[in-house]
Amino acid sequence: MKVQVQFLPWLSGLIDGGTDEELHYEFFLKQDSTLQQFLDQLAVQQPCAAFVVYDPEYKVIREVAVLMLNNRSFELAGGYEAVLKDGDVLTFLAAYSGG
């Protein structure tokens, strides 16, 4: 199955050397993969991206990022054990902003 992954600006700049554009990736996962399994795969396939948003040692999202699963906070969508489906969209955005 395939999921879409987006990194919104600020996080995308940390990953890709200062870009102010969104970054988009497609990930191919085994059927019925969990969010935790996706994050572990992210750490292997996109280590720069994972370094910014995910701590593989403690298996948690880093405090600088918020993860949305289909426009819902991942915690409300089942947490790390949420089963992903083909076509799901995972969006990482900055945990805080100024104004």
C-alpha atoms as a PDB file:
ATOM      1  CA  MET A   1       0.000   0.000   0.000  1.00  0.00           C
ATOM      2  CA  LYS A   2       1.050   3.585  -0.508  1.00  0.00           C
ATOM      3  CA  VAL A   3       0.837   6.544   1.883  1.00  0.00           C
ATOM      4  CA  GLN A   4       1.574  10.193   1.190  1.00  0.00           C
ATOM      5  CA  VAL A   5       3.933  12.075   3.520  1.00  0.00           C
ATOM      6  CA  GLN A   6       4.153  15.863   3.708  1.00  0.00           C
ATOM      7  CA  PHE A   7       6.581  18.074   5.592  1.00  0.00           C
ATOM      8  CA  LEU A   8       5.303  21.639   5.864  1.00  0.00           C
ATOM      9  CA  PRO A   9       7.571  24.700   5.765  1.00  0.00           C
ATOM     10  CA  TRP A  10      10.010  25.240   8.614  1.00  0.00           C
ATOM     11  CA  LEU A  11      10.366  21.481   9.064  1.00  0.00           C
ATOM     12  CA  SER A  12      10.967  21.110   5.322  1.00  0.00           C
ATOM     13  CA  GLY A  13      13.704  23.753   5.617  1.00  0.00           C
ATOM     14  CA  LEU A  14      15.442  21.767   8.339  1.00  0.00           C
ATOM     15  CA  ILE A  15      15.298  18.651   6.189  1.00  0.00           C
ATOM     16  CA  ASP A  16      16.202  20.117   2.804  1.00  0.00           C
ATOM     17  CA  GLY A  17      18.694  22.894   3.469  1.00  0.00           C
ATOM     18  CA  GLY A  18      16.481  25.913   3.921  1.00  0.00           C
ATOM     19  CA  THR A  19      13.716  25.331   1.383  1.00  0.00           C
ATOM     20  CA  ASP A  20      10.506  27.206   2.067  1.00  0.00           C
ATOM     21  CA  GLU A  21       8.468  24.729   0.028  1.00  0.00           C
ATOM     22  CA  GLU A  22       6.534  21.721   1.270  1.00  0.00           C
ATOM     23  CA  LEU A  23       8.247  18.373   0.814  1.00  0.00           C
ATOM     24  CA  HIS A  24       6.209  15.419  -0.438  1.00  0.00           C
ATOM     25  CA  TYR A  25       7.127  11.747  -0.407  1.00  0.00           C
ATOM     26  CA  GLU A  26       5.362   8.496  -1.184  1.00  0.00           C
ATOM     27  CA  PHE A  27       6.027   5.506   1.043  1.00  0.00           C
ATOM     28  CA  PHE A  28       5.214   1.928   0.218  1.00  0.00           C
ATOM     29  CA  LEU A  29       4.281  -0.143   3.252  1.00  0.00           C
ATOM     30  CA  LYS A  30       3.047  -3.642   3.938  1.00  0.00           C
ATOM     31  CA  GLN A  31      -0.712  -3.957   4.241  1.00  0.00           C
ATOM     32  CA  ASP A  32      -1.960  -3.208   7.791  1.00  0.00           C
ATOM     33  CA  SER A  33       1.251  -1.428   8.813  1.00  0.00           C
ATOM     34  CA  THR A  34       0.963   0.706  11.918  1.00  0.00           C
ATOM     35  CA  LEU A  35       2.029   4.291  12.306  1.00  0.00           C
ATOM     36  CA  GLN A  36       4.922   3.067  14.465  1.00  0.00           C
ATOM     37  CA  GLN A  37       6.096   0.778  11.668  1.00  0.00           C
ATOM     38  CA  PHE A  38       5.931   3.686   9.228  1.00  0.00           C
ATOM     39  CA  LEU A  39       8.031   5.862  11.538  1.00  0.00           C
ATOM     40  CA  ASP A  40      10.633   3.119  11.890  1.00  0.00           C
ATOM     41  CA  GLN A  41      10.742   2.790   8.101  1.00  0.00           C
ATOM     42  CA  LEU A  42      11.050   6.574   7.765  1.00  0.00           C
ATOM     43  CA  ALA A  43      14.140   6.435   9.991  1.00  0.00           C
ATOM     44  CA  VAL A  44      15.744   3.944   7.581  1.00  0.00           C
ATOM     45  CA  GLN A  45      14.638   5.350   4.219  1.00  0.00           C
ATOM     46  CA  GLN A  46      14.755   9.097   4.963  1.00  0.00           C
ATOM     47  CA  PRO A  47      17.200   9.489   7.866  1.00  0.00           C
ATOM     48  CA  CYS A  48      17.506  13.271   7.482  1.00  0.00           C
ATOM     49  CA  ALA A  49      13.747  13.690   7.672  1.00  0.00           C
ATOM     50  CA  ALA A  50      13.439  11.257  10.539  1.00  0.00           C
ATOM     51  CA  PHE A  51      16.208  13.025  12.475  1.00  0.00           C
ATOM     52  CA  VAL A  52      14.124  16.204  12.476  1.00  0.00           C
ATOM     53  CA  VAL A  53      10.743  14.720  13.455  1.00  0.00           C
ATOM     54  CA  TYR A  54      11.283  11.284  15.059  1.00  0.00           C
ATOM     55  CA  ASP A  55      13.393   9.826  17.849  1.00  0.00           C
ATOM     56  CA  PRO A  56      13.942   6.151  16.931  1.00  0.00           C
ATOM     57  CA  GLU A  57      15.592   5.338  20.261  1.00  0.00           C
ATOM     58  CA  TYR A  58      12.515   6.319  22.282  1.00  0.00           C
ATOM     59  CA  LYS A  59      10.095   5.754  19.369  1.00  0.00           C
ATOM     60  CA  VAL A  60       8.356   9.125  19.734  1.00  0.00           C
ATOM     61  CA  ILE A  61       7.663  12.181  17.611  1.00  0.00           C
ATOM     62  CA  ARG A  62      10.145  14.921  18.520  1.00  0.00           C
ATOM     63  CA  GLU A  63       8.773  17.931  20.388  1.00  0.00           C
ATOM     64  CA  VAL A  64       9.386  20.275  17.417  1.00  0.00           C
ATOM     65  CA  ALA A  65       6.815  18.449  15.278  1.00  0.00           C
ATOM     66  CA  VAL A  66       3.122  17.649  15.213  1.00  0.00           C
ATOM     67  CA  LEU A  67       1.955  14.656  13.182  1.00  0.00           C
ATOM     68  CA  MET A  68      -1.443  14.637  11.516  1.00  0.00           C
ATOM     69  CA  LEU A  69      -3.035  11.528  10.031  1.00  0.00           C
ATOM     70  CA  ASN A  70      -5.619  12.477   7.412  1.00  0.00           C
ATOM     71  CA  ASN A  71      -5.929  15.984   8.935  1.00  0.00           C
ATOM     72  CA  ARG A  72      -6.432  14.661  12.487  1.00  0.00           C
ATOM     73  CA  SER A  73      -3.935  14.612  15.305  1.00  0.00           C
ATOM     74  CA  PHE A  74      -2.370  11.161  15.198  1.00  0.00           C
ATOM     75  CA  GLU A  75      -3.162  10.702  18.905  1.00  0.00           C
ATOM     76  CA  LEU A  76      -6.891  11.016  18.109  1.00  0.00           C
ATOM     77  CA  ALA A  77      -6.558   8.675  15.124  1.00  0.00           C
ATOM     78  CA  GLY A  78      -5.263   5.717  17.142  1.00  0.00           C
ATOM     79  CA  GLY A  79      -1.798   6.848  18.214  1.00  0.00           C
ATOM     80  CA  TYR A  80       1.322   4.931  17.296  1.00  0.00           C
ATOM     81  CA  GLU A  81      -0.719   1.735  16.868  1.00  0.00           C
ATOM     82  CA  ALA A  82      -3.085   3.266  14.281  1.00  0.00           C
ATOM     83  CA  VAL A  83      -3.351   0.956  11.287  1.00  0.00           C
ATOM     84  CA  LEU A  84      -2.590   2.831   8.083  1.00  0.00           C
ATOM     85  CA  LYS A  85      -4.606   2.416   4.912  1.00  0.00           C
ATOM     86  CA  ASP A  86      -3.755   2.846   1.262  1.00  0.00           C
ATOM     87  CA  GLY A  87      -3.965   6.537   0.386  1.00  0.00           C
ATOM     88  CA  ASP A  88      -3.547   7.863   3.929  1.00  0.00           C
ATOM     89  CA  VAL A  89      -1.854  11.252   4.226  1.00  0.00           C
ATOM     90  CA  LEU A  90       0.668  11.880   6.999  1.00  0.00           C
ATOM     91  CA  THR A  91       1.520  15.541   7.552  1.00  0.00           C
ATOM     92  CA  PHE A  92       4.321  16.843   9.755  1.00  0.00           C
ATOM     93  CA  LEU A  93       4.089  20.473  10.824  1.00  0.00           C
ATOM     94  CA  ALA A  94       5.918  22.678  13.289  1.00  0.00           C
ATOM     95  CA  ALA A  95       4.720  22.260  16.863  1.00  0.00           C
ATOM     96  CA  TYR A  96       4.716  25.986  17.480  1.00  0.00           C
ATOM     97  CA  SER A  97       4.609  29.189  15.506  1.00  0.00           C
ATOM     98  CA  GLY A  98       5.067  32.876  16.085  1.00  0.00           C
ATOM     99  CA  GLY A  99       2.753  35.676  15.313  1.00  0.00           C
END
